[in-house]
């Protein structure tokens, strides 16, 4: 009788251990699934690449100052656009950028920008001094304008118009970089290849 009891107790103990192991495995599996679900829920979604997004995030390693402005042409055409001044303390230079939403008055605005771009400088409104180990501190007022002008435009600019604008900007000592739909397409292409 003792051997039968021992076998029954042994079998019951073995079954109990098996049940506990299975329960622990199920709990562990549920915890892993829960962590995966949380990670999926909390991982930030990639923002959609748009020209406005790129305007706000290109050169994100530089200090920036921006504002909104309104352009009204002689015919009453009106565009509210964004400006940013970018400050590169390591290179001791600064440059400017514009985001122009889709408007048939885009070209008219671009023709007028070389005459007024200096109005969008915030150097006299902002006081910043930056330095890095081994470098002398640089005051924002000491940064030299690099002549670069980055223009993010939603409305298409024809090649003939671009040639005219390049010539006009060069006469004012400016080096424009037009970033329209072609630029956006290339950036999306690059992102797809890297992800």
Protein backbone atom coordinates (compact mmCIF):
# COMPACT_ATOMS: atom_id res chain seq x y z
CA UNK A 1 0.00 0.00 0.00
CA UNK A 2 2.86 2.34 0.75
CA UNK A 3 4.27 1.94 -2.73
CA UNK A 4 0.85 2.68 -4.28
CA UNK A 5 0.56 5.80 -2.10
CA UNK A 6 4.07 6.84 -3.08
CA UNK A 7 3.26 6.39 -6.78
CA UNK A 8 0.01 8.37 -6.44
CA UNK A 9 1.72 11.10 -4.44
CA UNK A 10 4.60 11.16 -6.93
CA UNK A 11 2.21 11.37 -9.87
CA UNK A 12 0.19 14.12 -8.16
CA UNK A 13 3.36 16.03 -7.34
CA UNK A 14 4.60 15.62 -10.90
CA UNK A 15 1.25 16.78 -12.28
CA UNK A 16 1.26 19.76 -9.90
CA UNK A 17 4.76 20.76 -11.02
CA UNK A 18 3.72 20.38 -14.66
CA UNK A 19 0.64 22.57 -14.08
CA UNK A 20 2.80 25.22 -12.35
CA UNK A 21 5.39 25.19 -15.15
CA UNK A 22 2.66 25.55 -17.77
CA UNK A 23 1.05 28.37 -15.78
CA UNK A 24 4.41 30.17 -15.45
CA UNK A 25 5.04 29.79 -19.18
CA UNK A 26 1.59 31.20 -19.98
CA UNK A 27 2.15 34.14 -17.63
CA UNK A 28 5.59 34.82 -19.12
CA UNK A 29 4.15 34.62 -22.64
CA UNK A 30 1.37 37.05 -21.72
CA UNK A 31 3.93 39.46 -20.22
CA UNK A 32 6.03 39.37 -23.40
CA UNK A 33 2.94 39.98 -25.55
CA UNK A 34 1.91 42.83 -23.27
CA UNK A 35 5.37 44.42 -23.60
CA UNK A 36 5.27 44.07 -27.39
CA UNK A 37 1.80 45.64 -27.54
CA UNK A 38 2.93 48.51 -25.30
CA UNK A 39 6.01 49.06 -27.45
CA UNK A 40 3.84 49.18 -30.57
CA UNK A 41 1.44 51.62 -28.94
CA UNK A 42 4.13 53.88 -27.47
CA UNK A 43 6.57 53.90 -30.38
CA UNK A 44 6.05 57.22 -32.12
CA UNK A 45 4.63 57.12 -35.60
CA UNK A 46 6.85 58.55 -38.27
CA UNK A 47 5.50 61.89 -39.33
CA UNK A 48 4.42 62.21 -42.93
CA UNK A 49 7.13 63.86 -44.99
CA UNK A 50 5.86 67.15 -46.36
CA UNK A 51 7.70 70.27 -47.44
CA UNK A 52 6.46 72.03 -44.31
CA UNK A 53 7.81 69.19 -42.15
CA UNK A 54 11.17 69.33 -43.95
CA UNK A 55 11.30 73.12 -43.56
CA UNK A 56 10.87 72.64 -39.83
CA UNK A 57 13.28 69.73 -39.50
CA UNK A 58 16.08 70.15 -42.03
CA UNK A 59 19.15 71.56 -40.28
CA UNK A 60 17.70 70.48 -36.93
CA UNK A 61 21.17 70.58 -35.39
CA UNK A 62 21.26 74.38 -35.75
CA UNK A 63 19.73 77.11 -33.63
CA UNK A 64 16.78 78.67 -35.47
CA UNK A 65 14.55 81.67 -35.18
CA UNK A 66 11.39 82.03 -37.22
CA UNK A 67 8.33 84.08 -37.88
CA UNK A 68 5.34 84.36 -40.18
CA UNK A 69 5.07 87.11 -42.75
CA UNK A 70 2.53 88.26 -45.29
CA UNK A 71 3.21 89.20 -48.89
CA UNK A 72 0.69 91.29 -50.81
CA UNK A 73 1.42 92.11 -54.44
CA UNK A 74 0.19 95.12 -56.38
CA UNK A 75 -2.78 93.11 -57.72
CA UNK A 76 -3.95 92.21 -54.22
CA UNK A 77 -2.55 88.66 -54.24
CA UNK A 78 -1.75 87.58 -50.71
CA UNK A 79 0.45 84.83 -49.24
CA UNK A 80 1.16 84.12 -45.58
CA UNK A 81 4.55 82.40 -45.48
CA UNK A 82 7.11 81.28 -42.91
CA UNK A 83 10.69 82.45 -42.48
CA UNK A 84 13.55 80.97 -40.49
CA UNK A 85 17.03 82.17 -39.81
CA UNK A 86 19.51 79.37 -39.13
CA UNK A 87 22.56 79.96 -36.92
CA UNK A 88 25.62 77.73 -37.34
CA UNK A 89 27.94 78.68 -34.49
CA UNK A 90 30.63 76.15 -35.45
CA UNK A 91 30.89 77.57 -38.97
CA UNK A 92 30.32 81.09 -37.60
CA UNK A 93 27.69 81.69 -40.25
CA UNK A 94 23.96 82.06 -40.68
CA UNK A 95 21.51 81.61 -43.54
CA UNK A 96 17.81 82.06 -44.13
CA UNK A 97 14.94 79.86 -45.27
CA UNK A 98 11.39 80.39 -46.42
CA UNK A 99 8.37 78.10 -46.59
CA UNK A 100 5.79 79.25 -49.13
CA UNK A 101 2.48 77.37 -49.16
CA UNK A 102 0.80 76.66 -52.47
CA UNK A 103 -0.20 79.93 -54.13
CA UNK A 104 -0.26 81.24 -57.68
CA UNK A 105 1.56 84.31 -56.27
CA UNK A 106 4.65 82.28 -55.35
CA UNK A 107 6.76 83.57 -58.24
CA UNK A 108 5.80 87.20 -57.47
CA UNK A 109 6.87 86.72 -53.86
CA UNK A 110 10.14 85.11 -54.91
CA UNK A 111 10.91 88.03 -57.22
CA UNK A 112 10.48 90.42 -54.27
CA UNK A 113 12.35 88.43 -51.60
CA UNK A 114 15.88 89.58 -52.55
CA UNK A 115 14.82 93.17 -51.87
CA UNK A 116 13.37 92.44 -48.42
CA UNK A 117 14.95 89.26 -47.01
CA UNK A 118 17.01 91.26 -44.47
CA UNK A 119 13.79 92.31 -42.72
CA UNK A 120 13.46 88.73 -41.52
CA UNK A 121 16.76 88.70 -39.67
CA UNK A 122 16.32 88.20 -35.95
CA UNK A 123 19.91 88.98 -35.02
CA UNK A 124 18.94 92.34 -33.55
CA UNK A 125 16.02 90.73 -31.66
CA UNK A 126 17.87 87.74 -30.19
CA UNK A 127 20.93 87.64 -27.94
CA UNK A 128 22.72 84.31 -27.93
CA UNK A 129 26.30 83.33 -27.29
CA UNK A 130 27.47 79.79 -27.83
CA UNK A 131 30.72 77.94 -27.37
CA UNK A 132 32.06 74.42 -27.31
CA UNK A 133 35.06 72.82 -25.63
CA UNK A 134 38.21 74.21 -27.20
CA UNK A 135 36.37 77.02 -29.01
CA UNK A 136 35.94 80.66 -28.12
CA UNK A 137 32.33 81.68 -27.47
CA UNK A 138 30.64 83.26 -30.48
CA UNK A 139 27.96 85.90 -30.19
CA UNK A 140 25.04 85.62 -32.63
CA UNK A 141 25.77 89.15 -33.89
CA UNK A 142 29.23 87.95 -35.03
CA UNK A 143 27.85 85.30 -37.40
CA UNK A 144 28.36 86.13 -41.08
CA UNK A 145 25.53 85.74 -43.54
CA UNK A 146 26.51 82.94 -45.94
CA UNK A 147 24.24 84.18 -48.77
CA UNK A 148 22.40 80.86 -48.80
CA UNK A 149 18.62 81.10 -49.10
CA UNK A 150 16.59 77.88 -48.85
CA UNK A 151 13.17 78.21 -50.44
CA UNK A 152 10.62 75.47 -49.73
CA UNK A 153 7.75 76.03 -52.15
CA UNK A 154 4.56 74.05 -52.66
CA UNK A 155 3.53 75.75 -55.90
CA UNK A 156 5.59 74.65 -58.93
CA UNK A 157 8.21 76.98 -60.36
CA UNK A 158 8.99 76.54 -64.05
CA UNK A 159 12.61 76.04 -65.12
CA UNK A 160 12.56 79.36 -67.04
CA UNK A 161 11.33 81.07 -63.86
CA UNK A 162 14.08 79.41 -61.82
CA UNK A 163 16.74 80.66 -64.25
CA UNK A 164 15.30 84.17 -63.93
CA UNK A 165 15.28 83.88 -60.14
CA UNK A 166 18.86 82.54 -59.97
CA UNK A 167 20.01 85.54 -62.00
CA UNK A 168 18.04 87.98 -59.86
CA UNK A 169 19.27 86.50 -56.57
CA UNK A 170 22.89 86.43 -57.75
CA UNK A 171 22.66 90.17 -58.50
CA UNK A 172 21.77 90.63 -54.82
CA UNK A 173 24.65 88.39 -53.69
CA UNK A 174 22.34 85.50 -52.77
CA UNK A 175 22.61 81.78 -53.48
CA UNK A 176 19.08 80.31 -53.62
CA UNK A 177 18.28 76.63 -53.16
CA UNK A 178 14.80 75.75 -54.38
CA UNK A 179 13.17 72.86 -52.56
CA UNK A 180 9.88 71.95 -54.16
CA UNK A 181 8.12 68.73 -55.09
CA UNK A 182 11.30 67.22 -56.62
CA UNK A 183 13.12 67.67 -53.30
CA UNK A 184 10.22 66.13 -51.38
CA UNK A 185 10.11 63.18 -53.79
CA UNK A 186 13.88 62.53 -53.35
CA UNK A 187 13.60 62.72 -49.55
CA UNK A 188 10.72 60.22 -49.57
CA UNK A 189 12.70 57.93 -51.86
CA UNK A 190 15.69 58.03 -49.49
CA UNK A 191 13.47 57.33 -46.47
CA UNK A 192 11.87 54.32 -48.16
CA UNK A 193 15.31 52.86 -48.93
CA UNK A 194 16.53 53.30 -45.36
CA UNK A 195 13.43 51.80 -43.69
